[in-house]
Amino acid sequence: MHNLVMRHRGQAVEVIERNGRVHRGIIEGVDPRGGMFIRSGFRRRFIPFFLIAAIFLLSRRRRIF
């Protein structure tokens, strides 16, 4: 998943967690311990990979994971 997220770094995404929560923002980077950072406005959020159920690109509304 690390390579997949880094390939789409800087793009707007919608991340859906396994529990149904939705996060929208721009991919900022990946933490080597197993998660990704997204930025929405001035807030930076860490999302662990094990919580992610789906990732959609907002520009094309295409699912990448």
N, C-alpha and C. Protein backbone atom coordinates (compact mmCIF):
# COMPACT_ATOMS: atom_id res chain seq x y z
N MET A 1 0.83 -1.19 0.00
CA MET A 1 0.00 0.00 0.00
C MET A 1 0.88 1.25 0.00
N HIS A 2 2.07 1.17 0.58
CA HIS A 2 2.98 2.31 0.64
C HIS A 2 3.24 2.88 -0.76
N ASN A 3 3.58 2.02 -1.73
CA ASN A 3 3.87 2.48 -3.09
C ASN A 3 2.64 3.07 -3.75
N LEU A 4 1.49 2.48 -3.51
CA LEU A 4 0.23 2.97 -4.09
C LEU A 4 -0.07 4.38 -3.61
N VAL A 5 0.07 4.61 -2.33
CA VAL A 5 -0.21 5.94 -1.76
C VAL A 5 0.81 6.96 -2.26
N MET A 6 2.08 6.60 -2.30
CA MET A 6 3.11 7.54 -2.75
C MET A 6 2.94 7.89 -4.23
N ARG A 7 2.42 6.98 -5.03
CA ARG A 7 2.18 7.25 -6.45
C ARG A 7 1.14 8.36 -6.62
N HIS A 8 0.21 8.47 -5.69
CA HIS A 8 -0.87 9.45 -5.78
C HIS A 8 -0.68 10.61 -4.80
N ARG A 9 0.52 10.81 -4.34
CA ARG A 9 0.83 11.89 -3.40
C ARG A 9 0.51 13.25 -4.04
N GLY A 10 -0.10 14.13 -3.25
CA GLY A 10 -0.46 15.45 -3.74
C GLY A 10 -1.83 15.52 -4.41
N GLN A 11 -2.52 14.40 -4.52
CA GLN A 11 -3.83 14.38 -5.16
C GLN A 11 -4.93 14.36 -4.10
N ALA A 12 -6.07 14.93 -4.48
CA ALA A 12 -7.22 14.94 -3.58
C ALA A 12 -7.85 13.55 -3.54
N VAL A 13 -8.12 13.06 -2.33
CA VAL A 13 -8.68 11.72 -2.16
C VAL A 13 -9.80 11.72 -1.14
N GLU A 14 -10.56 10.66 -1.18
CA GLU A 14 -11.57 10.37 -0.16
C GLU A 14 -11.21 9.01 0.41
N VAL A 15 -10.97 8.95 1.72
CA VAL A 15 -10.58 7.71 2.39
C VAL A 15 -11.75 7.24 3.23
N ILE A 16 -12.16 5.99 3.02
CA ILE A 16 -13.25 5.40 3.79
C ILE A 16 -12.66 4.35 4.72
N GLU A 17 -12.89 4.54 6.02
CA GLU A 17 -12.40 3.59 7.01
C GLU A 17 -13.33 2.38 7.09
N ARG A 18 -12.85 1.32 7.71
CA ARG A 18 -13.65 0.10 7.87
C ARG A 18 -14.90 0.34 8.71
N ASN A 19 -14.86 1.32 9.62
CA ASN A 19 -16.02 1.60 10.47
C ASN A 19 -16.99 2.59 9.83
N GLY A 20 -16.72 3.02 8.58
CA GLY A 20 -17.65 3.88 7.85
C GLY A 20 -17.29 5.35 7.84
N ARG A 21 -16.32 5.77 8.62
CA ARG A 21 -15.92 7.19 8.62
C ARG A 21 -15.30 7.56 7.28
N VAL A 22 -15.56 8.78 6.83
CA VAL A 22 -15.03 9.27 5.56
C VAL A 22 -14.15 10.49 5.83
N HIS A 23 -12.96 10.49 5.23
CA HIS A 23 -12.02 11.61 5.35
C HIS A 23 -11.69 12.08 3.94
N ARG A 24 -11.75 13.39 3.72
CA ARG A 24 -11.39 13.97 2.44
C ARG A 24 -10.20 14.90 2.64
N GLY A 25 -9.25 14.83 1.70
CA GLY A 25 -8.08 15.69 1.80
C GLY A 25 -7.08 15.37 0.72
N ILE A 26 -5.88 15.90 0.89
CA ILE A 26 -4.80 15.70 -0.07
C ILE A 26 -3.74 14.83 0.58
N ILE A 27 -3.30 13.80 -0.14
CA ILE A 27 -2.28 12.89 0.40
C ILE A 27 -0.98 13.66 0.58
N GLU A 28 -0.45 13.64 1.79
CA GLU A 28 0.79 14.33 2.09
C GLU A 28 1.98 13.41 2.15
N GLY A 29 1.80 12.21 2.61
CA GLY A 29 2.92 11.29 2.72
C GLY A 29 2.55 10.03 3.46
N VAL A 30 3.57 9.21 3.68
CA VAL A 30 3.39 7.91 4.32
C VAL A 30 4.33 7.82 5.51
N ASP A 31 3.83 7.25 6.59
CA ASP A 31 4.64 6.99 7.77
C ASP A 31 5.21 5.58 7.63
N PRO A 32 6.51 5.40 7.83
CA PRO A 32 7.11 4.07 7.68
C PRO A 32 6.53 3.02 8.63
N ARG A 33 5.86 3.45 9.70
CA ARG A 33 5.28 2.49 10.64
C ARG A 33 3.94 1.95 10.17
N GLY A 34 3.42 2.43 9.03
CA GLY A 34 2.20 1.84 8.50
C GLY A 34 0.98 2.73 8.49
N GLY A 35 1.08 3.88 7.92
CA GLY A 35 -0.07 4.76 7.82
C GLY A 35 0.18 5.87 6.82
N MET A 36 -0.84 6.68 6.59
CA MET A 36 -0.69 7.79 5.65
C MET A 36 -1.18 9.08 6.28
N PHE A 37 -0.68 10.20 5.78
CA PHE A 37 -1.10 11.51 6.24
C PHE A 37 -1.90 12.18 5.14
N ILE A 38 -3.05 12.75 5.51
CA ILE A 38 -3.80 13.58 4.57
C ILE A 38 -4.02 14.94 5.20
N ARG A 39 -4.06 15.96 4.37
CA ARG A 39 -4.27 17.33 4.84
C ARG A 39 -5.59 17.83 4.28
N SER A 40 -6.40 18.38 5.18
CA SER A 40 -7.65 19.03 4.78
C SER A 40 -7.67 20.39 5.47
N GLY A 41 -7.58 21.43 4.68
CA GLY A 41 -7.47 22.77 5.25
C GLY A 41 -6.15 22.92 5.97
N PHE A 42 -6.19 23.30 7.24
CA PHE A 42 -4.97 23.44 8.03
C PHE A 42 -4.74 22.23 8.93
N ARG A 43 -5.59 21.24 8.84
CA ARG A 43 -5.49 20.07 9.71
C ARG A 43 -4.79 18.93 8.98
N ARG A 44 -3.88 18.26 9.68
CA ARG A 44 -3.17 17.11 9.15
C ARG A 44 -3.62 15.89 9.93
N ARG A 45 -4.06 14.85 9.23
CA ARG A 45 -4.62 13.68 9.89
C ARG A 45 -3.82 12.43 9.51
N PHE A 46 -3.57 11.58 10.50
CA PHE A 46 -2.88 10.30 10.29
C PHE A 46 -3.93 9.20 10.26
N ILE A 47 -3.86 8.35 9.24
CA ILE A 47 -4.79 7.22 9.13
C ILE A 47 -3.97 5.94 8.97
N PRO A 48 -4.05 5.02 9.93
CA PRO A 48 -3.31 3.75 9.81
C PRO A 48 -3.85 2.91 8.65
N PHE A 49 -2.96 2.20 7.98
CA PHE A 49 -3.37 1.39 6.83
C PHE A 49 -4.40 0.33 7.19
N PHE A 50 -4.32 -0.24 8.40
CA PHE A 50 -5.25 -1.32 8.75
C PHE A 50 -6.69 -0.83 8.90
N LEU A 51 -6.92 0.48 9.04
CA LEU A 51 -8.28 1.02 9.14
C LEU A 51 -8.90 1.33 7.79
N ILE A 52 -8.08 1.40 6.75
CA ILE A 52 -8.56 1.86 5.44
C ILE A 52 -9.30 0.74 4.72
N ALA A 53 -10.54 1.04 4.30
CA ALA A 53 -11.33 0.09 3.52
C ALA A 53 -11.28 0.44 2.04
N ALA A 54 -11.22 1.75 1.70
CA ALA A 54 -11.18 2.18 0.31
C ALA A 54 -10.57 3.57 0.21
N ILE A 55 -9.92 3.82 -0.94
CA ILE A 55 -9.39 5.15 -1.25
C ILE A 55 -9.87 5.51 -2.65
N PHE A 56 -10.51 6.67 -2.78
CA PHE A 56 -10.99 7.16 -4.07
C PHE A 56 -10.26 8.44 -4.44
N LEU A 57 -9.87 8.58 -5.72
CA LEU A 57 -9.35 9.84 -6.22
C LEU A 57 -10.53 10.75 -6.50
N LEU A 58 -10.55 11.95 -5.96
CA LEU A 58 -11.68 12.85 -6.16
C LEU A 58 -11.69 13.47 -7.54
N SER A 59 -10.53 13.61 -8.17
CA SER A 59 -10.48 14.23 -9.49
C SER A 59 -11.17 13.38 -10.56
N ARG A 60 -11.04 12.06 -10.46
CA ARG A 60 -11.64 11.16 -11.46
C ARG A 60 -12.69 10.25 -10.87
N ARG A 61 -12.87 10.33 -9.56
CA ARG A 61 -13.79 9.45 -8.82
C ARG A 61 -13.49 7.98 -9.15
N ARG A 62 -12.20 7.67 -9.10
CA ARG A 62 -11.74 6.32 -9.38
C ARG A 62 -11.19 5.70 -8.10
N ARG A 63 -11.54 4.46 -7.86
CA ARG A 63 -11.05 3.76 -6.67
C ARG A 63 -9.63 3.27 -6.93
N ILE A 64 -8.71 3.58 -5.99
CA ILE A 64 -7.33 3.11 -6.15
C ILE A 64 -6.99 2.01 -5.16
N PHE A 65 -7.81 1.85 -4.12
CA PHE A 65 -7.63 0.74 -3.18
C PHE A 65 -8.97 0.35 -2.64
